[in-house]
Amino acid sequence: MALAFLNPSRSFDTARNAVRFVGHDGMFEVLFFVEVGALGKSDTALQSSGVSETRWLSSFDALRTSIHDAAHKAYSHRRRPTYTLTAADFR
């Protein structure tokens, strides 16, 4: 089966300083994190400290298509249960 993002939910993980979202490959759940550095890469207002969780989630929503594309690419190289996407994954 191919990786699919059936559930649009996402959450902010304070410990990882990243947005968490889930993909599915058949019956297997695949956990993804997008570091805030990757989300703030295209928006200088997000690069300052003290940005709220709500702003990170809004940034994720605005970039959802490119984030899913990067997740597909990462997953196609090596299948693991967890991935962390960084700014380098969006070049």
N, C-alpha and C. Protein backbone atom coordinates (compact mmCIF):
# COMPACT_ATOMS: atom_id res chain seq x y z
N MET A 1 0.83 -1.18 0.00
CA MET A 1 0.00 0.00 0.00
C MET A 1 0.88 1.25 0.00
N ALA A 2 0.31 2.33 -0.35
CA ALA A 2 1.01 3.60 -0.38
C ALA A 2 0.69 4.41 0.88
N LEU A 3 1.57 5.32 1.18
CA LEU A 3 1.37 6.20 2.32
C LEU A 3 0.22 7.16 2.04
N ALA A 4 -0.69 7.29 2.99
CA ALA A 4 -1.83 8.19 2.85
C ALA A 4 -2.00 8.99 4.14
N PHE A 5 -2.54 10.18 3.99
CA PHE A 5 -2.80 11.04 5.15
C PHE A 5 -4.31 11.20 5.27
N LEU A 6 -4.93 10.23 5.92
CA LEU A 6 -6.38 10.15 6.00
C LEU A 6 -6.96 11.08 7.06
N ASN A 7 -6.17 11.36 8.08
CA ASN A 7 -6.63 12.18 9.19
C ASN A 7 -5.91 13.53 9.14
N PRO A 8 -6.63 14.63 8.96
CA PRO A 8 -5.97 15.93 8.84
C PRO A 8 -5.49 16.53 10.16
N SER A 9 -5.70 15.83 11.26
CA SER A 9 -5.32 16.39 12.56
C SER A 9 -3.80 16.49 12.68
N ARG A 10 -3.39 17.45 13.48
CA ARG A 10 -1.98 17.65 13.79
C ARG A 10 -1.92 18.28 15.16
N SER A 11 -0.79 18.18 15.82
CA SER A 11 -0.66 18.77 17.15
C SER A 11 0.77 19.25 17.33
N PHE A 12 0.93 20.17 18.26
CA PHE A 12 2.26 20.68 18.54
C PHE A 12 2.88 19.87 19.67
N ASP A 13 4.08 19.38 19.45
CA ASP A 13 4.81 18.62 20.45
C ASP A 13 5.88 19.53 21.05
N THR A 14 5.62 20.01 22.24
CA THR A 14 6.53 20.95 22.89
C THR A 14 7.90 20.33 23.16
N ALA A 15 7.93 19.09 23.58
CA ALA A 15 9.19 18.43 23.89
C ALA A 15 10.10 18.34 22.66
N ARG A 16 9.52 18.10 21.50
CA ARG A 16 10.30 17.99 20.26
C ARG A 16 10.39 19.31 19.50
N ASN A 17 9.61 20.30 19.93
CA ASN A 17 9.54 21.59 19.24
C ASN A 17 9.22 21.36 17.77
N ALA A 18 8.15 20.61 17.56
CA ALA A 18 7.76 20.19 16.21
C ALA A 18 6.25 19.96 16.16
N VAL A 19 5.73 19.96 14.94
CA VAL A 19 4.33 19.62 14.73
C VAL A 19 4.26 18.14 14.38
N ARG A 20 3.36 17.45 15.02
CA ARG A 20 3.18 16.00 14.87
C ARG A 20 1.97 15.74 13.99
N PHE A 21 2.12 14.79 13.04
CA PHE A 21 0.98 14.34 12.24
C PHE A 21 1.19 12.88 11.89
N VAL A 22 0.12 12.24 11.42
CA VAL A 22 0.15 10.79 11.22
C VAL A 22 -0.20 10.44 9.78
N GLY A 23 0.54 9.48 9.25
CA GLY A 23 0.23 8.90 7.95
C GLY A 23 -0.12 7.44 8.14
N HIS A 24 -0.69 6.83 7.13
CA HIS A 24 -1.05 5.41 7.21
C HIS A 24 -0.58 4.70 5.95
N ASP A 25 -0.02 3.53 6.16
CA ASP A 25 0.35 2.64 5.07
C ASP A 25 -0.40 1.35 5.34
N GLY A 26 -1.56 1.24 4.72
CA GLY A 26 -2.43 0.11 5.03
C GLY A 26 -2.88 0.23 6.47
N MET A 27 -2.66 -0.83 7.23
CA MET A 27 -3.06 -0.80 8.63
C MET A 27 -1.98 -0.24 9.56
N PHE A 28 -0.83 0.13 8.99
CA PHE A 28 0.27 0.63 9.81
C PHE A 28 0.23 2.16 9.93
N GLU A 29 0.40 2.63 11.14
CA GLU A 29 0.44 4.05 11.41
C GLU A 29 1.89 4.51 11.35
N VAL A 30 2.14 5.62 10.69
CA VAL A 30 3.48 6.18 10.56
C VAL A 30 3.46 7.58 11.15
N LEU A 31 4.28 7.82 12.15
CA LEU A 31 4.30 9.08 12.87
C LEU A 31 5.34 10.01 12.26
N PHE A 32 4.94 11.26 12.00
CA PHE A 32 5.82 12.27 11.44
C PHE A 32 5.88 13.48 12.36
N PHE A 33 7.05 14.11 12.38
CA PHE A 33 7.26 15.38 13.07
C PHE A 33 7.88 16.34 12.06
N VAL A 34 7.45 17.59 12.08
CA VAL A 34 8.07 18.64 11.28
C VAL A 34 8.66 19.64 12.26
N GLU A 35 9.98 19.79 12.23
CA GLU A 35 10.63 20.73 13.13
C GLU A 35 10.19 22.15 12.83
N VAL A 36 10.10 22.98 13.86
CA VAL A 36 9.68 24.37 13.66
C VAL A 36 10.64 25.12 12.74
N GLY A 37 11.90 24.73 12.71
CA GLY A 37 12.86 25.36 11.81
C GLY A 37 12.47 25.19 10.36
N ALA A 38 11.86 24.06 10.03
CA ALA A 38 11.40 23.83 8.67
C ALA A 38 10.15 24.66 8.38
N LEU A 39 9.30 24.82 9.36
CA LEU A 39 8.08 25.61 9.18
C LEU A 39 8.40 27.10 9.08
N GLY A 40 9.39 27.56 9.82
CA GLY A 40 9.75 28.97 9.83
C GLY A 40 10.68 29.37 8.70
N LYS A 41 11.15 28.40 7.95
CA LYS A 41 12.10 28.67 6.88
C LYS A 41 11.57 29.67 5.86
N SER A 42 10.30 29.59 5.54
CA SER A 42 9.74 30.46 4.50
C SER A 42 9.03 31.70 5.06
N ASP A 43 9.00 31.84 6.38
CA ASP A 43 8.29 32.96 6.99
C ASP A 43 9.17 33.57 8.07
N THR A 44 9.76 34.72 7.79
CA THR A 44 10.68 35.33 8.74
C THR A 44 10.01 35.70 10.06
N ALA A 45 8.70 35.97 10.06
CA ALA A 45 7.99 36.29 11.30
C ALA A 45 7.99 35.09 12.24
N LEU A 46 8.07 33.89 11.70
CA LEU A 46 8.07 32.68 12.53
C LEU A 46 9.47 32.32 13.04
N GLN A 47 10.48 33.00 12.55
CA GLN A 47 11.85 32.65 12.94
C GLN A 47 12.25 33.23 14.28
N SER A 48 11.46 34.11 14.83
CA SER A 48 11.77 34.68 16.14
C SER A 48 11.30 33.74 17.25
N SER A 49 11.89 33.89 18.41
CA SER A 49 11.47 33.04 19.53
C SER A 49 10.14 33.55 20.08
N GLY A 50 9.45 32.71 20.77
CA GLY A 50 8.20 33.09 21.40
C GLY A 50 6.98 32.97 20.50
N VAL A 51 7.11 32.30 19.38
CA VAL A 51 5.97 32.10 18.49
C VAL A 51 5.02 31.11 19.15
N SER A 52 3.74 31.39 19.07
CA SER A 52 2.75 30.55 19.74
C SER A 52 2.51 29.23 18.98
N GLU A 53 2.04 28.27 19.72
CA GLU A 53 1.67 26.97 19.15
C GLU A 53 0.66 27.14 18.01
N THR A 54 -0.26 28.04 18.19
CA THR A 54 -1.29 28.29 17.17
C THR A 54 -0.66 28.74 15.86
N ARG A 55 0.35 29.59 15.94
CA ARG A 55 1.03 30.06 14.72
C ARG A 55 1.77 28.93 14.02
N TRP A 56 2.38 28.03 14.79
CA TRP A 56 3.08 26.88 14.18
C TRP A 56 2.07 25.97 13.47
N LEU A 57 0.94 25.75 14.10
CA LEU A 57 -0.08 24.90 13.48
C LEU A 57 -0.67 25.56 12.24
N SER A 58 -0.84 26.86 12.26
CA SER A 58 -1.32 27.58 11.08
C SER A 58 -0.31 27.50 9.94
N SER A 59 0.96 27.60 10.29
CA SER A 59 2.02 27.47 9.29
C SER A 59 2.00 26.07 8.68
N PHE A 60 1.83 25.07 9.53
CA PHE A 60 1.72 23.69 9.04
C PHE A 60 0.56 23.58 8.05
N ASP A 61 -0.59 24.13 8.40
CA ASP A 61 -1.77 24.05 7.53
C ASP A 61 -1.50 24.71 6.18
N ALA A 62 -0.81 25.84 6.19
CA ALA A 62 -0.51 26.55 4.95
C ALA A 62 0.46 25.77 4.07
N LEU A 63 1.32 24.99 4.70
CA LEU A 63 2.35 24.23 3.96
C LEU A 63 2.02 22.74 3.84
N ARG A 64 0.81 22.37 4.18
CA ARG A 64 0.43 20.94 4.26
C ARG A 64 0.80 20.14 3.01
N THR A 65 0.54 20.67 1.83
CA THR A 65 0.82 19.92 0.60
C THR A 65 2.32 19.63 0.47
N SER A 66 3.15 20.64 0.68
CA SER A 66 4.60 20.41 0.56
C SER A 66 5.12 19.52 1.69
N ILE A 67 4.51 19.62 2.86
CA ILE A 67 4.90 18.74 3.98
C ILE A 67 4.56 17.29 3.65
N HIS A 68 3.37 17.05 3.12
CA HIS A 68 3.00 15.69 2.74
C HIS A 68 3.90 15.17 1.63
N ASP A 69 4.27 16.03 0.68
CA ASP A 69 5.19 15.63 -0.38
C ASP A 69 6.54 15.21 0.20
N ALA A 70 7.06 16.00 1.15
CA ALA A 70 8.34 15.67 1.80
C ALA A 70 8.22 14.38 2.60
N ALA A 71 7.08 14.17 3.24
CA ALA A 71 6.86 12.94 4.01
C ALA A 71 6.83 11.72 3.09
N HIS A 72 6.16 11.86 1.94
CA HIS A 72 6.13 10.76 0.96
C HIS A 72 7.55 10.42 0.50
N LYS A 73 8.32 11.44 0.22
CA LYS A 73 9.70 11.23 -0.25
C LYS A 73 10.54 10.53 0.82
N ALA A 74 10.46 11.01 2.06
CA ALA A 74 11.22 10.39 3.15
C ALA A 74 10.80 8.94 3.35
N TYR A 75 9.51 8.69 3.29
CA TYR A 75 8.99 7.34 3.51
C TYR A 75 9.39 6.40 2.38
N SER A 76 9.50 6.90 1.17
CA SER A 76 9.85 6.05 0.03
C SER A 76 11.29 5.57 0.07
N HIS A 77 12.16 6.32 0.76
CA HIS A 77 13.57 5.92 0.84
C HIS A 77 13.81 4.79 1.83
N ARG A 78 13.09 4.84 2.91
CA ARG A 78 13.27 3.83 3.96
C ARG A 78 12.03 3.84 4.85
N ARG A 79 11.43 2.70 5.02
CA ARG A 79 10.20 2.63 5.81
C ARG A 79 10.51 2.39 7.28
N ARG A 80 10.10 3.37 8.07
CA ARG A 80 10.28 3.33 9.52
C ARG A 80 8.97 3.73 10.17
N PRO A 81 8.83 3.53 11.46
CA PRO A 81 7.58 3.93 12.13
C PRO A 81 7.52 5.42 12.47
N THR A 82 8.68 6.12 12.51
CA THR A 82 8.73 7.52 12.89
C THR A 82 9.73 8.28 12.02
N TYR A 83 9.36 9.51 11.64
CA TYR A 83 10.22 10.37 10.85
C TYR A 83 10.20 11.77 11.42
N THR A 84 11.32 12.46 11.35
CA THR A 84 11.39 13.87 11.69
C THR A 84 11.85 14.62 10.45
N LEU A 85 10.98 15.50 9.95
CA LEU A 85 11.31 16.29 8.78
C LEU A 85 11.96 17.60 9.23
N THR A 86 13.07 17.92 8.59
CA THR A 86 13.81 19.14 8.91
C THR A 86 13.81 20.08 7.70
N ALA A 87 14.39 21.24 7.85
CA ALA A 87 14.45 22.19 6.74
C ALA A 87 15.14 21.56 5.52
N ALA A 88 16.08 20.67 5.73
CA ALA A 88 16.79 20.02 4.62
C ALA A 88 15.86 19.17 3.77
N ASP A 89 14.75 18.73 4.31
CA ASP A 89 13.79 17.90 3.56
C ASP A 89 12.92 18.72 2.61
N PHE A 90 13.05 20.05 2.66
CA PHE A 90 12.21 20.93 1.84
C PHE A 90 13.01 21.72 0.82
N ARG A 91 14.14 21.22 0.41
CA ARG A 91 14.98 21.91 -0.59
C ARG A 91 14.59 21.54 -1.97
